[in-house]
PDB file of N, CA and C in Angstrom:
ATOM      1  N   MET A   1      16.526  71.250 136.373  1.00  0.00           N
ATOM      2  CA  MET A   1      16.477  72.719 135.971  1.00  0.00           C
ATOM      3  C   MET A   1      17.408  73.207 136.465  1.00  0.00           C
ATOM      4  N   LYS A   2      16.755  73.655 138.214  1.00  0.00           N
ATOM      5  CA  LYS A   2      17.893  74.731 139.120  1.00  0.00           C
ATOM      6  C   LYS A   2      19.129  74.161 138.609  1.00  0.00           C
ATOM      7  N   THR A   3      19.151  73.653 138.945  1.00  0.00           N
ATOM      8  CA  THR A   3      20.620  72.557 138.768  1.00  0.00           C
ATOM      9  C   THR A   3      20.927  73.643 137.745  1.00  0.00           C
ATOM     10  N   ILE A   4      20.597  72.591 136.494  1.00  0.00           N
ATOM     11  CA  ILE A   4      20.933  73.718 135.163  1.00  0.00           C
ATOM     12  C   ILE A   4      21.214  74.717 134.732  1.00  0.00           C
ATOM     13  N   LEU A   5      20.732  75.202 135.317  1.00  0.00           N
ATOM     14  CA  LEU A   5      20.750  76.539 134.473  1.00  0.00           C
ATOM     15  C   LEU A   5      21.554  77.066 135.909  1.00  0.00           C
ATOM     16  N   ILE A   6      21.732  76.726 137.156  1.00  0.00           N
ATOM     17  CA  ILE A   6      23.158  77.716 137.983  1.00  0.00           C
ATOM     18  C   ILE A   6      24.706  77.137 136.889  1.00  0.00           C
ATOM     19  N   ILE A   7      24.492  75.911 137.061  1.00  0.00           N
ATOM     20  CA  ILE A   7      25.414  75.442 135.900  1.00  0.00           C
ATOM     21  C   ILE A   7      25.849  76.526 135.028  1.00  0.00           C
ATOM     22  N   ILE A   8      25.126  76.665 133.767  1.00  0.00           N
ATOM     23  CA  ILE A   8      25.152  77.268 133.020  1.00  0.00           C
ATOM     24  C   ILE A   8      25.727  79.250 133.562  1.00  0.00           C
ATOM     25  N   GLY A   9      24.834  79.669 134.348  1.00  0.00           N
ATOM     26  CA  GLY A   9      25.276  80.647 135.030  1.00  0.00           C
ATOM     27  C   GLY A   9      26.787  80.895 134.976  1.00  0.00           C
ATOM     28  N   ILE A  10      26.972  79.748 135.547  1.00  0.00           N
ATOM     29  CA  ILE A  10      28.539  80.680 136.423  1.00  0.00           C
ATOM     30  C   ILE A  10      29.555  79.667 135.364  1.00  0.00           C
ATOM     31  N   ILE A  11      29.512  79.036 134.372  1.00  0.00           N
ATOM     32  CA  ILE A  11      30.154  79.045 132.904  1.00  0.00           C
ATOM     33  C   ILE A  11      30.293  80.457 132.298  1.00  0.00           C
ATOM     34  N   LEU A  12      29.213  80.629 131.965  1.00  0.00           N
ATOM     35  CA  LEU A  12      28.994  81.709 131.336  1.00  0.00           C
ATOM     36  C   LEU A  12      29.743  83.118 132.398  1.00  0.00           C
ATOM     37  N   ALA A  13      29.507  83.340 133.756  1.00  0.00           N
ATOM     38  CA  ALA A  13      30.494  83.925 134.547  1.00  0.00           C
ATOM     39  C   ALA A  13      32.118  83.793 133.632  1.00  0.00           C
ATOM     40  N   LEU A  14      32.250  82.934 134.271  1.00  0.00           N
ATOM     41  CA  LEU A  14      33.827  81.559 134.802  1.00  0.00           C
ATOM     42  C   LEU A  14      34.022  82.578 133.121  1.00  0.00           C
ATOM     43  N   GLY A  15      33.183  82.250 132.388  1.00  0.00           N
ATOM     44  CA  GLY A  15      34.010  83.184 130.302  1.00  0.00           C
ATOM     45  C   GLY A  15      34.252  84.337 130.422  1.00  0.00           C
ATOM     46  N   PHE A  16      33.132  84.812 131.067  1.00  0.00           N
ATOM     47  CA  PHE A  16      33.224  86.468 131.024  1.00  0.00           C
ATOM     48  C   PHE A  16      34.362  87.427 131.890  1.00  0.00           C
ATOM     49  N   CYS A  17      34.974  86.420 132.897  1.00  0.00           N
ATOM     50  CA  CYS A  17      35.618  86.850 133.679  1.00  0.00           C
ATOM     51  C   CYS A  17      36.881  86.943 132.769  1.00  0.00           C
ATOM     52  N   ALA A  18      37.161  85.311 132.734  1.00  0.00           N
ATOM     53  CA  ALA A  18      38.556  84.874 130.903  1.00  0.00           C
ATOM     54  C   ALA A  18      38.733  85.806 130.506  1.00  0.00           C
ATOM     55  N   PHE A  19      37.676  86.598 129.777  1.00  0.00           N
ATOM     56  CA  PHE A  19      37.806  87.457 128.743  1.00  0.00           C
ATOM     57  C   PHE A  19      38.373  88.757 129.690  1.00  0.00           C
ATOM     58  N   LEU A  20      37.498  89.089 130.879  1.00  0.00           N
ATOM     59  CA  LEU A  20      38.485  90.260 130.935  1.00  0.00           C
ATOM     60  C   LEU A  20      40.174  90.093 132.368  1.00  0.00           C
ATOM     61  N   LEU A  21      40.261  88.629 131.746  1.00  0.00           N
ATOM     62  CA  LEU A  21      42.223  88.205 132.261  1.00  0.00           C
ATOM     63  C   LEU A  21      43.263  89.309 132.390  1.00  0.00           C
ATOM     64  N   PRO A  22      42.783  89.737 131.546  1.00  0.00           N
ATOM     65  CA  PRO A  22      44.178  90.610 131.161  1.00  0.00           C
ATOM     66  C   PRO A  22      43.955  92.474 132.410  1.00  0.00           C
ATOM     67  N   ALA A  23      42.451  93.267 131.729  1.00  0.00           N
ATOM     68  CA  ALA A  23      42.094  93.932 132.903  1.00  0.00           C
ATOM     69  C   ALA A  23      42.763  93.355 134.034  1.00  0.00           C
ATOM     70  N   ILE A  24      42.157  92.242 134.793  1.00  0.00           N
ATOM     71  CA  ILE A  24      42.062  92.172 135.862  1.00  0.00           C
ATOM     72  C   ILE A  24      43.701  92.308 136.621  1.00  0.00           C
ATOM     73  N   ILE A  25      44.502  90.736 135.805  1.00  0.00           N
ATOM     74  CA  ILE A  25      45.626  91.360 136.106  1.00  0.00           C
ATOM     75  C   ILE A  25      46.622  92.688 135.992  1.00  0.00           C
ATOM     76  N   GLY A  26      46.273  93.248 135.027  1.00  0.00           N
ATOM     77  CA  GLY A  26      46.593  94.689 135.213  1.00  0.00           C
ATOM     78  C   GLY A  26      47.074  95.487 135.885  1.00  0.00           C
ATOM     79  N   ILE A  27      45.023  95.338 136.345  1.00  0.00           N
ATOM     80  CA  ILE A  27      45.211  96.470 137.629  1.00  0.00           C
ATOM     81  C   ILE A  27      45.326  95.971 139.169  1.00  0.00           C
ATOM     82  N   ALA A  28      45.704  94.189 138.778  1.00  0.00           N
ATOM     83  CA  ALA A  28      46.267  93.749 140.791  1.00  0.00           C
ATOM     84  C   ALA A  28      47.464  94.156 140.694  1.00  0.00           C
ATOM     85  N   ALA A  29      47.733  93.841 139.700  1.00  0.00           N
ATOM     86  CA  ALA A  29      49.300  93.975 139.789  1.00  0.00           C
ATOM     87  C   ALA A  29      49.958  96.080 140.070  1.00  0.00           C
ATOM     88  N   GLY A  30      48.180  96.441 138.975  1.00  0.00           N
ATOM     89  CA  GLY A  30      48.880  97.689 139.198  1.00  0.00           C
ATOM     90  C   GLY A  30      48.586  98.874 141.242  1.00  0.00           C
ATOM     91  N   ILE A  31      47.389  97.566 141.809  1.00  0.00           N
ATOM     92  CA  ILE A  31      47.725  97.867 143.242  1.00  0.00           C
ATOM     93  C   ILE A  31      48.913  97.768 143.359  1.00  0.00           C
ATOM     94  N   ALA A  32      49.214  96.704 143.275  1.00  0.00           N
ATOM     95  CA  ALA A  32      51.118  96.403 143.657  1.00  0.00           C
ATOM     96  C   ALA A  32      52.024  96.365 143.795  1.00  0.00           C
ATOM     97  N   LEU A  33      52.009  97.072 142.517  1.00  0.00           N
ATOM     98  CA  LEU A  33      53.357  98.165 142.717  1.00  0.00           C
ATOM     99  C   LEU A  33      52.748  99.728 143.504  1.00  0.00           C
ATOM    100  N   PHE A  34      51.630  99.959 143.190  1.00  0.00           N
ATOM    101  CA  PHE A  34      51.067 101.870 143.736  1.00  0.00           C
ATOM    102  C   PHE A  34      51.490 101.435 144.521  1.00  0.00           C
ATOM    103  N   LYS A  35      50.710 100.088 145.777  1.00  0.00           N
ATOM    104  CA  LYS A  35      51.028  99.868 147.517  1.00  0.00           C
ATOM    105  C   LYS A  35      53.064 100.292 147.503  1.00  0.00           C
ATOM    106  N   SER A  36      53.411  99.557 146.527  1.00  0.00           N
ATOM    107  CA  SER A  36      55.242  99.762 146.912  1.00  0.00           C
ATOM    108  C   SER A  36      55.986 100.854 146.714  1.00  0.00           C
ATOM    109  N   GLY A  37      54.539 101.696 146.063  1.00  0.00           N
ATOM    110  CA  GLY A  37      55.821 102.813 145.500  1.00  0.00           C
ATOM    111  C   GLY A  37      55.969 103.157 144.675  1.00  0.00           C
ATOM    112  N   HIS A  38      55.429 102.782 143.050  1.00  0.00           N
ATOM    113  CA  HIS A  38      56.331 101.980 142.074  1.00  0.00           C
ATOM    114  C   HIS A  38      55.056 102.685 141.353  1.00  0.00           C
ATOM    115  N   PHE A  39      54.579 104.578 141.206  1.00  0.00           N
ATOM    116  CA  PHE A  39      53.444 104.730 140.930  1.00  0.00           C
ATOM    117  C   PHE A  39      53.434 105.246 139.129  1.00  0.00           C
ATOM    118  N   ILE A  40      54.724 105.163 138.653  1.00  0.00           N
ATOM    119  CA  ILE A  40      54.721 104.786 136.871  1.00  0.00           C
ATOM    120  C   ILE A  40      54.419 103.813 136.917  1.00  0.00           C
ATOM    121  N   TRP A  41      55.161 102.612 137.140  1.00  0.00           N
ATOM    122  CA  TRP A  41      54.768 101.515 136.539  1.00  0.00           C
ATOM    123  C   TRP A  41      53.601 100.936 136.946  1.00  0.00           C
ATOM    124  N   ALA A  42      53.024 101.515 138.206  1.00  0.00           N
ATOM    125  CA  ALA A  42      51.572 101.054 138.681  1.00  0.00           C
ATOM    126  C   ALA A  42      50.582 101.721 137.284  1.00  0.00           C
ATOM    127  N   ILE A  43      50.583 102.946 136.819  1.00  0.00           N
ATOM    128  CA  ILE A  43      49.505 103.603 135.649  1.00  0.00           C
ATOM    129  C   ILE A  43      49.527 102.191 134.384  1.00  0.00           C
ATOM    130  N   ILE A  44      51.044 102.124 134.505  1.00  0.00           N
ATOM    131  CA  ILE A  44      51.868 101.844 133.184  1.00  0.00           C
ATOM    132  C   ILE A  44      51.561 100.322 133.174  1.00  0.00           C
ATOM    133  N   CYS A  45      50.966  99.256 134.436  1.00  0.00           N
ATOM    134  CA  CYS A  45      50.015  98.304 134.824  1.00  0.00           C
ATOM    135  C   CYS A  45      48.924  98.537 134.092  1.00  0.00           C
ATOM    136  N   ILE A  46      48.113  99.149 135.158  1.00  0.00           N
ATOM    137  CA  ILE A  46      46.577  99.224 134.930  1.00  0.00           C
ATOM    138  C   ILE A  46      46.214  99.890 132.744  1.00  0.00           C
ATOM    139  N   VAL A  47      46.620 100.585 132.867  1.00  0.00           N
ATOM    140  CA  VAL A  47      46.797 101.031 131.197  1.00  0.00           C
ATOM    141  C   VAL A  47      46.744 100.028 130.234  1.00  0.00           C
ATOM    142  N   GLY A  48      47.829  98.888 129.812  1.00  0.00           N
ATOM    143  CA  GLY A  48      48.022  97.522 129.890  1.00  0.00           C
ATOM    144  C   GLY A  48      47.027  96.843 129.778  1.00  0.00           C
ATOM    145  N   GLY A  49      47.053  96.734 130.764  1.00  0.00           N
ATOM    146  CA  GLY A  49      46.392  96.071 131.023  1.00  0.00           C
ATOM    147  C   GLY A  49      44.462  96.355 129.804  1.00  0.00           C
ATOM    148  N   ILE A  50      44.171  97.372 130.844  1.00  0.00           N
ATOM    149  CA  ILE A  50      43.028  97.957 130.016  1.00  0.00           C
ATOM    150  C   ILE A  50      42.630  98.214 128.630  1.00  0.00           C
ATOM    151  N   GLY A  51      43.922  98.513 128.261  1.00  0.00           N
ATOM    152  CA  GLY A  51      44.241  98.492 126.106  1.00  0.00           C
ATOM    153  C   GLY A  51      44.704  97.062 126.429  1.00  0.00           C
ATOM    154  N   ILE A  52      44.921  95.822 126.355  1.00  0.00           N
ATOM    155  CA  ILE A  52      45.019  95.014 125.600  1.00  0.00           C
ATOM    156  C   ILE A  52      43.311  94.089 125.778  1.00  0.00           C
ATOM    157  N   ASN A  53      42.608  94.522 126.013  1.00  0.00           N
ATOM    158  CA  ASN A  53      41.298  93.875 126.448  1.00  0.00           C
ATOM    159  C   ASN A  53      40.478  94.965 125.069  1.00  0.00           C
ATOM    160  N   ILE A  54      40.519  96.656 125.747  1.00  0.00           N
ATOM    161  CA  ILE A  54      40.384  97.503 124.141  1.00  0.00           C
ATOM    162  C   ILE A  54      40.443  96.759 122.932  1.00  0.00           C
ATOM    163  N   GLY A  55      41.729  97.104 122.813  1.00  0.00           N
ATOM    164  CA  GLY A  55      42.460  95.931 121.503  1.00  0.00           C
ATOM    165  C   GLY A  55      41.554  94.412 121.069  1.00  0.00           C
ATOM    166  N   MET A  56      41.063  93.312 122.188  1.00  0.00           N
ATOM    167  CA  MET A  56      40.603  92.046 122.404  1.00  0.00           C
ATOM    168  C   MET A  56      39.005  92.668 121.382  1.00  0.00           C
ATOM    169  N   ILE A  57      38.690  93.882 121.813  1.00  0.00           N
ATOM    170  CA  ILE A  57      37.016  94.238 121.623  1.00  0.00           C
ATOM    171  C   ILE A  57      37.420  94.518 120.269  1.00  0.00           C
ATOM    172  N   ALA A  58      38.244  95.676 119.567  1.00  0.00           N
ATOM    173  CA  ALA A  58      37.960  96.244 119.250  1.00  0.00           C
ATOM    174  C   ALA A  58      38.400  95.344 117.980  1.00  0.00           C
ATOM    175  N   GLY A  59      39.716  94.206 117.596  1.00  0.00           N
ATOM    176  CA  GLY A  59      40.070  92.697 116.800  1.00  0.00           C
ATOM    177  C   GLY A  59      38.535  92.276 116.305  1.00  0.00           C
ATOM    178  N   GLU A  60      37.929  92.409 117.557  1.00  0.00           N
ATOM    179  CA  GLU A  60      36.673  91.207 117.719  1.00  0.00           C
ATOM    180  C   GLU A  60      35.604  92.338 116.332  1.00  0.00           C
ATOM    181  N   PHE A  61      35.505  93.150 116.634  1.00  0.00           N
ATOM    182  CA  PHE A  61      34.060  93.743 115.595  1.00  0.00           C
ATOM    183  C   PHE A  61      34.927  94.828 114.678  1.00  0.00           C
ATOM    184  N   SER A  62      36.605  94.249 113.926  1.00  0.00           N
ATOM    185  CA  SER A  62      36.723  94.857 112.771  1.00  0.00           C
ATOM    186  C   SER A  62      36.500  94.345 112.116  1.00  0.00           C
ATOM    187  N   GLY A  63      36.720  92.703 112.049  1.00  0.00           N
ATOM    188  CA  GLY A  63      36.071  91.687 111.481  1.00  0.00           C
ATOM    189  C   GLY A  63      37.288  91.643 110.804  1.00  0.00           C
ATOM    190  N   SER A  64      39.239  91.755 111.908  1.00  0.00           N
ATOM    191  CA  SER A  64      40.272  91.072 110.856  1.00  0.00           C
ATOM    192  C   SER A  64      40.213  89.546 111.963  1.00  0.00           C
ATOM    193  N   GLY A  65      39.319  88.941 111.631  1.00  0.00           N
ATOM    194  CA  GLY A  65      38.914  87.541 112.484  1.00  0.00           C
ATOM    195  C   GLY A  65      38.728  87.098 111.185  1.00  0.00           C
ATOM    196  N   GLY A  66      38.099  85.556 111.366  1.00  0.00           N
ATOM    197  CA  GLY A  66      37.716  84.759 110.537  1.00  0.00           C
ATOM    198  C   GLY A  66      36.598  84.877 109.460  1.00  0.00           C
ATOM    199  N   GLY A  67      36.064  83.919 109.243  1.00  0.00           N
ATOM    200  CA  GLY A  67      34.396  84.345 108.741  1.00  0.00           C
ATOM    201  C   GLY A  67      34.467  84.835 106.194  1.00  0.00           C
ATOM    202  N   TYR A  68      33.231  85.440 105.904  1.00  0.00           N
ATOM    203  CA  TYR A  68      33.899  85.795 104.162  1.00  0.00           C
ATOM    204  C   TYR A  68      34.223  86.573 104.254  1.00  0.00           C
ATOM    205  N   HIS A  69      35.216  86.665 103.561  1.00  0.00           N
ATOM    206  CA  HIS A  69      35.675  87.998 102.811  1.00  0.00           C
ATOM    207  C   HIS A  69      36.078  88.586 101.094  1.00  0.00           C
ATOM    208  N   ASP A  70      35.673  89.015 101.242  1.00  0.00           N
ATOM    209  CA  ASP A  70      35.379  89.151  99.181  1.00  0.00           C
ATOM    210  C   ASP A  70      36.552  89.420  98.866  1.00  0.00           C
ATOM    211  N   GLU A  71      37.775  88.822  98.358  1.00  0.00           N
ATOM    212  CA  GLU A  71      39.341  88.858  97.750  1.00  0.00           C
ATOM    213  C   GLU A  71      38.763  88.767  96.642  1.00  0.00           C
ATOM    214  N   ASP A  72      40.179  89.513  95.900  1.00  0.00           N
ATOM    215  CA  ASP A  72      40.008  89.421  93.590  1.00  0.00           C
ATOM    216  C   ASP A  72      40.670  88.704  93.719  1.00  0.00           C
ATOM    217  N   CYS A  73      39.996  87.602  93.316  1.00  0.00           N
ATOM    218  CA  CYS A  73      41.040  86.680  92.282  1.00  0.00           C
ATOM    219  C   CYS A  73      42.193  86.516  92.113  1.00  0.00           C
ATOM    220  N   PRO A  74      43.028  85.881  92.266  1.00  0.00           N
ATOM    221  CA  PRO A  74      44.572  86.682  92.030  1.00  0.00           C
ATOM    222  C   PRO A  74      45.349  85.201  90.840  1.00  0.00           C
ATOM    223  N   TYR A  75      43.675  84.800  90.561  1.00  0.00           N
ATOM    224  CA  TYR A  75      44.791  85.157  88.809  1.00  0.00           C
ATOM    225  C   TYR A  75      44.628  85.454  87.900  1.00  0.00           C
ATOM    226  N   CYS A  76      43.331  85.898  87.950  1.00  0.00           N
ATOM    227  CA  CYS A  76      42.488  87.058  86.940  1.00  0.00           C
ATOM    228  C   CYS A  76      41.901  88.321  87.332  1.00  0.00           C
ATOM    229  N   GLY A  77      41.946  89.099  87.971  1.00  0.00           N
ATOM    230  CA  GLY A  77      41.634  90.325  88.578  1.00  0.00           C
ATOM    231  C   GLY A  77      40.710  90.351  89.672  1.00  0.00           C
ATOM    232  N   SER A  78      40.104  89.471  88.445  1.00  0.00           N
ATOM    233  CA  SER A  78      38.400  89.335  89.211  1.00  0.00           C
ATOM    234  C   SER A  78      38.032  90.282  89.994  1.00  0.00           C
ATOM    235  N   GLY A  79      36.566  91.002  90.121  1.00  0.00           N
ATOM    236  CA  GLY A  79      36.094  91.135  91.498  1.00  0.00           C
ATOM    237  C   GLY A  79      34.942  90.201  91.603  1.00  0.00           C
ATOM    238  N   ASP A  80      34.395  89.207  90.958  1.00  0.00           N
ATOM    239  CA  ASP A  80      33.542  88.478  91.004  1.00  0.00           C
ATOM    240  C   ASP A  80      34.167  87.025  91.898  1.00  0.00           C
ATOM    241  N   THR A  81      34.004  87.058  92.549  1.00  0.00           N
ATOM    242  CA  THR A  81      34.126  86.172  93.564  1.00  0.00           C
ATOM    243  C   THR A  81      33.100  85.753  94.663  1.00  0.00           C
ATOM    244  N   ASP A  82      33.182  84.545  95.060  1.00  0.00           N
ATOM    245  CA  ASP A  82      32.572  84.564  96.876  1.00  0.00           C
ATOM    246  C   ASP A  82      33.763  84.052  97.550  1.00  0.00           C
ATOM    247  N   GLY A  83      34.527  85.077  97.485  1.00  0.00           N
ATOM    248  CA  GLY A  83      36.219  84.630  98.930  1.00  0.00           C
ATOM    249  C   GLY A  83      37.217  83.647  98.968  1.00  0.00           C
ATOM    250  N   ASN A  84      36.407  82.283  98.180  1.00  0.00           N
ATOM    251  CA  ASN A  84      37.481  81.716  97.237  1.00  0.00           C
ATOM    252  C   ASN A  84      37.343  80.849  96.089  1.00  0.00           C
ATOM    253  N   HIS A  85      36.084  80.775  95.358  1.00  0.00           N
ATOM    254  CA  HIS A  85      36.216  80.486  93.582  1.00  0.00           C
ATOM    255  C   HIS A  85      35.589  81.546  93.018  1.00  0.00           C
ATOM    256  N   CYS A  86      36.536  82.059  91.965  1.00  0.00           N
ATOM    257  CA  CYS A  86      35.912  82.593  90.570  1.00  0.00           C
ATOM    258  C   CYS A  86      34.988  82.309  89.868  1.00  0.00           C
ATOM    259  N   TYR A  87      34.409  83.411  89.553  1.00  0.00           N
ATOM    260  CA  TYR A  87      33.835  83.001  88.850  1.00  0.00           C
ATOM    261  C   TYR A  87      33.684  82.873  87.943  1.00  0.00           C
ATOM    262  N   THR A  88      34.708  84.328  86.759  1.00  0.00           N
ATOM    263  CA  THR A  88      35.344  84.691  85.560  1.00  0.00           C
ATOM    264  C   THR A  88      36.104  83.859  85.196  1.00  0.00           C
ATOM    265  N   CYS A  89      36.929  83.148  85.509  1.00  0.00           N
ATOM    266  CA  CYS A  89      38.138  82.492  85.388  1.00  0.00           C
ATOM    267  C   CYS A  89      37.942  80.765  85.557  1.00  0.00           C
ATOM    268  N   ASP A  90      36.454  80.819  86.560  1.00  0.00           N
ATOM    269  CA  ASP A  90      36.152  79.561  86.799  1.00  0.00           C
ATOM    270  C   ASP A  90      37.178  78.707  87.919  1.00  0.00           C
ATOM    271  N   ASP A  91      37.831  79.064  88.837  1.00  0.00           N
ATOM    272  CA  ASP A  91      39.234  78.501  89.519  1.00  0.00           C
ATOM    273  C   ASP A  91      38.992  78.756  90.935  1.00  0.00           C
ATOM    274  N   ASP A  92      39.311  78.158  91.808  1.00  0.00           N
ATOM    275  CA  ASP A  92      40.045  78.158  92.739  1.00  0.00           C
ATOM    276  C   ASP A  92      40.636  78.651  93.476  1.00  0.00           C
ATOM    277  N   PHE A  93      40.768  79.938  94.493  1.00  0.00           N
ATOM    278  CA  PHE A  93      42.075  79.956  95.176  1.00  0.00           C
ATOM    279  C   PHE A  93      42.151  79.993  96.518  1.00  0.00           C
TER     280      PHE A  93
END
């Protein structure tokens, strides 16, 4: 049982690190560029990596992903749909 919980914990930690990978890469590249004297590029890399992660989070919560979307029927314009079936003209879209 302990081994299974450890394996699950490792998988969760790896998934979290994979989600933060753009920020990790941006910060690592920024540190390397900062040490070599390229201060502007270092800031661009750090801000870019963190910005990508913020964009990923914002996209996740904005509803731009899959799932249920209430749309108007393209055939008759009725809003009486379940997202892919129009109840007014009884047609799938």
